[in-house]
Amino acid sequence: MSFRALTARFALMVALCLATSVPAMAKKSSYLQCVPFAREVSGIDIRGNAWTWWGQAEGRYERGNEPEVGSVMSFKKTGRNPFGHVAMVSAIVSDREVLLTHANWSYRGGIERNVRAIDVSPAGDWSQVKVWFAPTASMGTTVFPVNGFIYPNDDKDGPAFGQPLELAGRKVERPLLLASFMGKSSL
């Protein structure tokens, strides 16, 4: 292969890489994040990155380490999860298993309802969990550290659990992803 042909191929590859990466970076915030979704479904009015919710809730909302339906599980930030995560508890299955409703976990911008989260902390205090991850169709091996649960105020102004939502100008009656207890997706 001549130098000229090699240079042309290299230039084409660089152009293709730039064409696909620059728009993706520019659209970083154009997909649904966990924070606005959790705020909308729970009525807990906290803003900012998910990892800041636990501290911001102090003095504004009750916090604890017992899950309650409608409460928000606050994940700590880690190297693999640098912004933390927030997810609403949609059902309690047992003392060590809940179902979560959340966004931007298994799929970028996707909504998942009623996915399993299991307390794997040695003390059974919900400080460490495993969460269903749809791409692997399993709970996986990653253990996520959790701050605890933020409980909504009784006088919250948000929609009641199960009511239709409107996020970013679109109704979310039928989620982008609907994950069942076993992790199967359907619309």
C-alpha atoms as a PDB file:
ATOM      1  CA  MET A   1       0.000   0.000   0.000  1.00  0.00           C
ATOM      2  CA  SER A   2       1.399   3.381  -0.951  1.00  0.00           C
ATOM      3  CA  PHE A   3       2.075   6.149   1.537  1.00  0.00           C
ATOM      4  CA  ARG A   4      -0.606   8.283  -0.102  1.00  0.00           C
ATOM      5  CA  ALA A   5      -3.282   5.546   0.253  1.00  0.00           C
ATOM      6  CA  LEU A   6      -2.275   4.931   3.851  1.00  0.00           C
ATOM      7  CA  THR A   7      -2.515   8.660   4.631  1.00  0.00           C
ATOM      8  CA  ALA A   8      -5.934   8.875   2.972  1.00  0.00           C
ATOM      9  CA  ARG A   9      -7.227   5.911   5.034  1.00  0.00           C
ATOM     10  CA  PHE A  10      -5.860   7.418   8.231  1.00  0.00           C
ATOM     11  CA  ALA A  11      -7.512  10.785   7.469  1.00  0.00           C
ATOM     12  CA  LEU A  12     -10.810   9.019   6.757  1.00  0.00           C
ATOM     13  CA  MET A  13     -10.643   7.128  10.059  1.00  0.00           C
ATOM     14  CA  VAL A  14      -9.895  10.321  12.008  1.00  0.00           C
ATOM     15  CA  ALA A  15     -12.786  12.110  10.285  1.00  0.00           C
ATOM     16  CA  LEU A  16     -15.169   9.256  11.097  1.00  0.00           C
ATOM     17  CA  CYS A  17     -14.070   9.179  14.730  1.00  0.00           C
ATOM     18  CA  LEU A  18     -14.550  12.927  15.091  1.00  0.00           C
ATOM     19  CA  ALA A  19     -17.913  12.816  13.335  1.00  0.00           C
ATOM     20  CA  THR A  20     -19.231  10.264  15.807  1.00  0.00           C
ATOM     21  CA  SER A  21     -17.604  11.487  19.032  1.00  0.00           C
ATOM     22  CA  VAL A  22     -18.180  15.247  18.825  1.00  0.00           C
ATOM     23  CA  PRO A  23     -21.985  15.056  18.444  1.00  0.00           C
ATOM     24  CA  ALA A  24     -22.116  12.500  21.269  1.00  0.00           C
ATOM     25  CA  MET A  25     -20.217  14.848  23.573  1.00  0.00           C
ATOM     26  CA  ALA A  26     -22.328  17.826  22.534  1.00  0.00           C
ATOM     27  CA  LYS A  27     -25.529  15.915  23.359  1.00  0.00           C
ATOM     28  CA  LYS A  28     -24.312  14.723  26.772  1.00  0.00           C
ATOM     29  CA  SER A  29     -27.235  16.266  28.667  1.00  0.00           C
ATOM     30  CA  SER A  30     -29.896  15.681  26.020  1.00  0.00           C
ATOM     31  CA  TYR A  31     -30.955  12.332  27.470  1.00  0.00           C
ATOM     32  CA  LEU A  32     -32.892  11.663  30.650  1.00  0.00           C
ATOM     33  CA  GLN A  33     -30.772  11.587  33.801  1.00  0.00           C
ATOM     34  CA  CYS A  34     -31.562   9.856  37.106  1.00  0.00           C
ATOM     35  CA  VAL A  35     -31.859  13.118  39.083  1.00  0.00           C
ATOM     36  CA  PRO A  36     -34.781  14.833  37.289  1.00  0.00           C
ATOM     37  CA  PHE A  37     -36.559  11.491  36.997  1.00  0.00           C
ATOM     38  CA  ALA A  38     -36.170  10.681  40.716  1.00  0.00           C
ATOM     39  CA  ARG A  39     -37.227  14.207  41.645  1.00  0.00           C
ATOM     40  CA  GLU A  40     -40.352  13.910  39.488  1.00  0.00           C
ATOM     41  CA  VAL A  41     -41.477  10.445  40.617  1.00  0.00           C
ATOM     42  CA  SER A  42     -40.707  10.929  44.316  1.00  0.00           C
ATOM     43  CA  GLY A  43     -41.602  14.589  44.852  1.00  0.00           C
ATOM     44  CA  ILE A  44     -38.281  15.101  46.640  1.00  0.00           C
ATOM     45  CA  ASP A  45     -37.185  18.521  45.421  1.00  0.00           C
ATOM     46  CA  ILE A  46     -33.399  18.268  45.433  1.00  0.00           C
ATOM     47  CA  ARG A  47     -31.229  19.377  42.540  1.00  0.00           C
ATOM     48  CA  GLY A  48     -27.620  18.801  41.564  1.00  0.00           C
ATOM     49  CA  ASN A  49     -25.620  15.641  41.019  1.00  0.00           C
ATOM     50  CA  ALA A  50     -27.032  12.492  42.589  1.00  0.00           C
ATOM     51  CA  TRP A  51     -24.091  12.105  44.984  1.00  0.00           C
ATOM     52  CA  THR A  52     -25.030  15.453  46.622  1.00  0.00           C
ATOM     53  CA  TRP A  53     -28.622  14.446  47.447  1.00  0.00           C
ATOM     54  CA  TRP A  54     -27.808  12.804  50.775  1.00  0.00           C
ATOM     55  CA  GLY A  55     -26.113  15.917  52.155  1.00  0.00           C
ATOM     56  CA  GLN A  56     -28.707  18.267  50.689  1.00  0.00           C
ATOM     57  CA  ALA A  57     -31.529  16.245  52.266  1.00  0.00           C
ATOM     58  CA  GLU A  58     -30.199  16.837  55.776  1.00  0.00           C
ATOM     59  CA  GLY A  59     -32.622  19.103  57.633  1.00  0.00           C
ATOM     60  CA  ARG A  60     -35.076  19.151  54.700  1.00  0.00           C
ATOM     61  CA  TYR A  61     -36.142  15.516  54.456  1.00  0.00           C
ATOM     62  CA  GLU A  62     -35.955  12.612  56.848  1.00  0.00           C
ATOM     63  CA  ARG A  63     -33.222  10.104  56.072  1.00  0.00           C
ATOM     64  CA  GLY A  64     -32.562   6.592  57.210  1.00  0.00           C
ATOM     65  CA  ASN A  65     -31.486   3.106  56.243  1.00  0.00           C
ATOM     66  CA  GLU A  66     -34.874   1.387  56.021  1.00  0.00           C
ATOM     67  CA  PRO A  67     -36.497   1.349  52.574  1.00  0.00           C
ATOM     68  CA  GLU A  68     -40.033   2.716  52.221  1.00  0.00           C
ATOM     69  CA  VAL A  69     -42.149   2.831  49.084  1.00  0.00           C
ATOM     70  CA  GLY A  70     -41.691   6.285  47.552  1.00  0.00           C
ATOM     71  CA  SER A  71     -38.338   6.925  49.247  1.00  0.00           C
ATOM     72  CA  VAL A  72     -35.202   7.567  47.220  1.00  0.00           C
ATOM     73  CA  MET A  73     -32.175   5.302  47.521  1.00  0.00           C
ATOM     74  CA  SER A  74     -29.093   7.529  47.465  1.00  0.00           C
ATOM     75  CA  PHE A  75     -25.999   5.891  45.967  1.00  0.00           C
ATOM     76  CA  LYS A  76     -22.549   7.172  46.904  1.00  0.00           C
ATOM     77  CA  LYS A  77     -20.195   8.288  44.177  1.00  0.00           C
ATOM     78  CA  THR A  78     -17.411   5.888  43.245  1.00  0.00           C
ATOM     79  CA  GLY A  79     -14.726   5.666  40.585  1.00  0.00           C
ATOM     80  CA  ARG A  80     -17.109   3.655  38.387  1.00  0.00           C
ATOM     81  CA  ASN A  81     -20.092   5.845  39.299  1.00  0.00           C
ATOM     82  CA  PRO A  82     -18.611   9.368  39.696  1.00  0.00           C
ATOM     83  CA  PHE A  83     -21.947  11.211  39.848  1.00  0.00           C
ATOM     84  CA  GLY A  84     -23.650   8.776  42.218  1.00  0.00           C
ATOM     85  CA  HIS A  85     -27.196   7.642  41.482  1.00  0.00           C
ATOM     86  CA  VAL A  86     -30.707   8.105  42.864  1.00  0.00           C
ATOM     87  CA  ALA A  87     -33.594   5.669  42.448  1.00  0.00           C
ATOM     88  CA  MET A  88     -37.099   5.554  43.904  1.00  0.00           C
ATOM     89  CA  VAL A  89     -38.238   2.503  45.854  1.00  0.00           C
ATOM     90  CA  SER A  90     -41.375   1.252  44.109  1.00  0.00           C
ATOM     91  CA  ALA A  91     -41.958  -1.896  46.195  1.00  0.00           C
ATOM     92  CA  ILE A  92     -40.527  -3.793  49.124  1.00  0.00           C
ATOM     93  CA  VAL A  93     -40.102  -7.498  48.423  1.00  0.00           C
ATOM     94  CA  SER A  94     -38.411  -8.530  51.700  1.00  0.00           C
ATOM     95  CA  ASP A  95     -36.157  -7.084  54.387  1.00  0.00           C
ATOM     96  CA  ARG A  96     -33.205  -7.387  51.977  1.00  0.00           C
ATOM     97  CA  GLU A  97     -34.824  -6.862  48.569  1.00  0.00           C
ATOM     98  CA  VAL A  98     -36.681  -3.942  46.989  1.00  0.00           C
ATOM     99  CA  LEU A  99     -37.826  -2.949  43.543  1.00  0.00           C
ATOM    100  CA  LEU A 100     -36.517   0.332  42.129  1.00  0.00           C
ATOM    101  CA  THR A 101     -37.860   2.720  39.535  1.00  0.00           C
ATOM    102  CA  HIS A 102     -35.073   4.804  38.020  1.00  0.00           C
ATOM    103  CA  ALA A 103     -33.551   6.326  34.908  1.00  0.00           C
ATOM    104  CA  ASN A 104     -30.191   6.162  33.164  1.00  0.00           C
ATOM    105  CA  TRP A 105     -28.958   2.927  34.719  1.00  0.00           C
ATOM    106  CA  SER A 106     -28.984  -0.005  32.295  1.00  0.00           C
ATOM    107  CA  TYR A 107     -29.351   2.143  29.190  1.00  0.00           C
ATOM    108  CA  ARG A 108     -28.372   5.727  28.525  1.00  0.00           C
ATOM    109  CA  GLY A 109     -31.486   7.812  29.215  1.00  0.00           C
ATOM    110  CA  GLY A 110     -33.699   4.734  29.637  1.00  0.00           C
ATOM    111  CA  ILE A 111     -36.348   4.368  32.316  1.00  0.00           C
ATOM    112  CA  GLU A 112     -36.673   1.131  34.235  1.00  0.00           C
ATOM    113  CA  ARG A 113     -39.549   0.267  36.541  1.00  0.00           C
ATOM    114  CA  ASN A 114     -39.586  -2.376  39.255  1.00  0.00           C
ATOM    115  CA  VAL A 115     -36.041  -3.688  38.919  1.00  0.00           C
ATOM    116  CA  ARG A 116     -34.454  -5.702  41.707  1.00  0.00           C
ATOM    117  CA  ALA A 117     -32.030  -4.266  44.224  1.00  0.00           C
ATOM    118  CA  ILE A 118     -30.616  -6.538  46.895  1.00  0.00           C
ATOM    119  CA  ASP A 119     -28.984  -5.504  50.165  1.00  0.00           C
ATOM    120  CA  VAL A 120     -25.636  -7.300  50.249  1.00  0.00           C
ATOM    121  CA  SER A 121     -24.163  -5.425  53.215  1.00  0.00           C
ATOM    122  CA  PRO A 122     -22.753  -7.698  55.936  1.00  0.00           C
ATOM    123  CA  ALA A 123     -24.832  -5.927  58.612  1.00  0.00           C
ATOM    124  CA  GLY A 124     -28.061  -5.937  56.559  1.00  0.00           C
ATOM    125  CA  ASP A 125     -28.231  -2.140  56.820  1.00  0.00           C
ATOM    126  CA  TRP A 126     -28.635  -1.278  53.105  1.00  0.00           C
ATOM    127  CA  SER A 127     -25.152   0.284  52.932  1.00  0.00           C
ATOM    128  CA  GLN A 128     -24.204  -1.940  49.962  1.00  0.00           C
ATOM    129  CA  VAL A 129     -26.437  -3.170  47.155  1.00  0.00           C
ATOM    130  CA  LYS A 130     -26.463  -5.025  43.878  1.00  0.00           C
ATOM    131  CA  VAL A 131     -28.877  -3.766  41.220  1.00  0.00           C
ATOM    132  CA  TRP A 132     -30.377  -5.530  38.204  1.00  0.00           C
ATOM    133  CA  PHE A 133     -28.486  -4.611  35.030  1.00  0.00           C
ATOM    134  CA  ALA A 134     -30.442  -5.343  31.853  1.00  0.00           C
ATOM    135  CA  PRO A 135     -27.525  -5.670  29.368  1.00  0.00           C
ATOM    136  CA  THR A 136     -26.162  -8.630  31.343  1.00  0.00           C
ATOM    137  CA  ALA A 137     -29.626  -9.863  32.410  1.00  0.00           C
ATOM    138  CA  SER A 138     -28.311 -10.321  35.932  1.00  0.00           C
ATOM    139  CA  MET A 139     -27.521  -8.701  39.243  1.00  0.00           C
ATOM    140  CA  GLY A 140     -23.893  -8.671  38.205  1.00  0.00           C
ATOM    141  CA  THR A 141     -20.887  -8.675  40.502  1.00  0.00           C
ATOM    142  CA  THR A 142     -20.621  -4.932  41.223  1.00  0.00           C
ATOM    143  CA  VAL A 143     -21.492  -3.871  44.752  1.00  0.00           C
ATOM    144  CA  PHE A 144     -22.624  -0.249  45.018  1.00  0.00           C
ATOM    145  CA  PRO A 145     -22.228   1.729  48.255  1.00  0.00           C
ATOM    146  CA  VAL A 146     -25.412   3.458  49.416  1.00  0.00           C
ATOM    147  CA  ASN A 147     -25.863   6.418  51.776  1.00  0.00           C
ATOM    148  CA  GLY A 148     -29.383   5.376  52.699  1.00  0.00           C
ATOM    149  CA  PHE A 149     -32.950   6.414  51.902  1.00  0.00           C
ATOM    150  CA  ILE A 150     -34.433   9.897  51.634  1.00  0.00           C
ATOM    151  CA  TYR A 151     -38.094   9.962  52.618  1.00  0.00           C
ATOM    152  CA  PRO A 152     -40.529  12.341  50.894  1.00  0.00           C
ATOM    153  CA  ASN A 153     -42.392  14.869  53.019  1.00  0.00           C
ATOM    154  CA  ASP A 154     -46.078  14.160  53.571  1.00  0.00           C
ATOM    155  CA  ASP A 155     -47.000  17.471  51.945  1.00  0.00           C
ATOM    156  CA  LYS A 156     -45.011  16.890  48.763  1.00  0.00           C
ATOM    157  CA  ASP A 157     -46.236  18.614  45.625  1.00  0.00           C
ATOM    158  CA  GLY A 158     -44.995  15.957  43.214  1.00  0.00           C
ATOM    159  CA  PRO A 159     -47.271  13.490  41.438  1.00  0.00           C
ATOM    160  CA  ALA A 160     -48.551  10.518  43.377  1.00  0.00           C
ATOM    161  CA  PHE A 161     -46.662   7.296  42.704  1.00  0.00           C
ATOM    162  CA  GLY A 162     -48.035   5.636  39.586  1.00  0.00           C
ATOM    163  CA  GLN A 163     -49.452   8.838  38.099  1.00  0.00           C
ATOM    164  CA  PRO A 164     -48.389   9.956  34.589  1.00  0.00           C
ATOM    165  CA  LEU A 165     -45.362  12.230  34.500  1.00  0.00           C
ATOM    166  CA  GLU A 166     -44.108  14.844  32.132  1.00  0.00           C
ATOM    167  CA  LEU A 167     -40.360  15.116  31.760  1.00  0.00           C
ATOM    168  CA  ALA A 168     -38.541  17.315  29.287  1.00  0.00           C
ATOM    169  CA  GLY A 169     -41.852  18.098  27.578  1.00  0.00           C
ATOM    170  CA  ARG A 170     -42.826  14.479  26.994  1.00  0.00           C
ATOM    171  CA  LYS A 171     -45.305  12.297  28.835  1.00  0.00           C
ATOM    172  CA  VAL A 172     -43.821   9.296  30.543  1.00  0.00           C
ATOM    173  CA  GLU A 173     -46.905   7.113  30.865  1.00  0.00           C
ATOM    174  CA  ARG A 174     -45.248   4.339  28.899  1.00  0.00           C
ATOM    175  CA  PRO A 175     -41.543   4.339  29.771  1.00  0.00           C
ATOM    176  CA  LEU A 176     -38.735   3.993  27.292  1.00  0.00           C
ATOM    177  CA  LEU A 177     -37.870   0.771  29.092  1.00  0.00           C
ATOM    178  CA  LEU A 178     -40.197  -1.186  31.302  1.00  0.00           C
ATOM    179  CA  ALA A 179     -38.209  -3.708  33.241  1.00  0.00           C
ATOM    180  CA  SER A 180     -40.166  -6.264  35.206  1.00  0.00           C
ATOM    181  CA  PHE A 181     -39.156  -8.045  38.371  1.00  0.00           C
ATOM    182  CA  MET A 182     -37.210 -10.574  36.326  1.00  0.00           C
ATOM    183  CA  GLY A 183     -35.629  -7.911  34.143  1.00  0.00           C
ATOM    184  CA  LYS A 184     -37.487  -8.616  30.903  1.00  0.00           C
ATOM    185  CA  SER A 185     -38.147  -5.470  28.895  1.00  0.00           C
ATOM    186  CA  SER A 186     -41.363  -4.558  27.155  1.00  0.00           C
ATOM    187  CA  LEU A 187     -43.202  -1.425  26.084  1.00  0.00           C
END
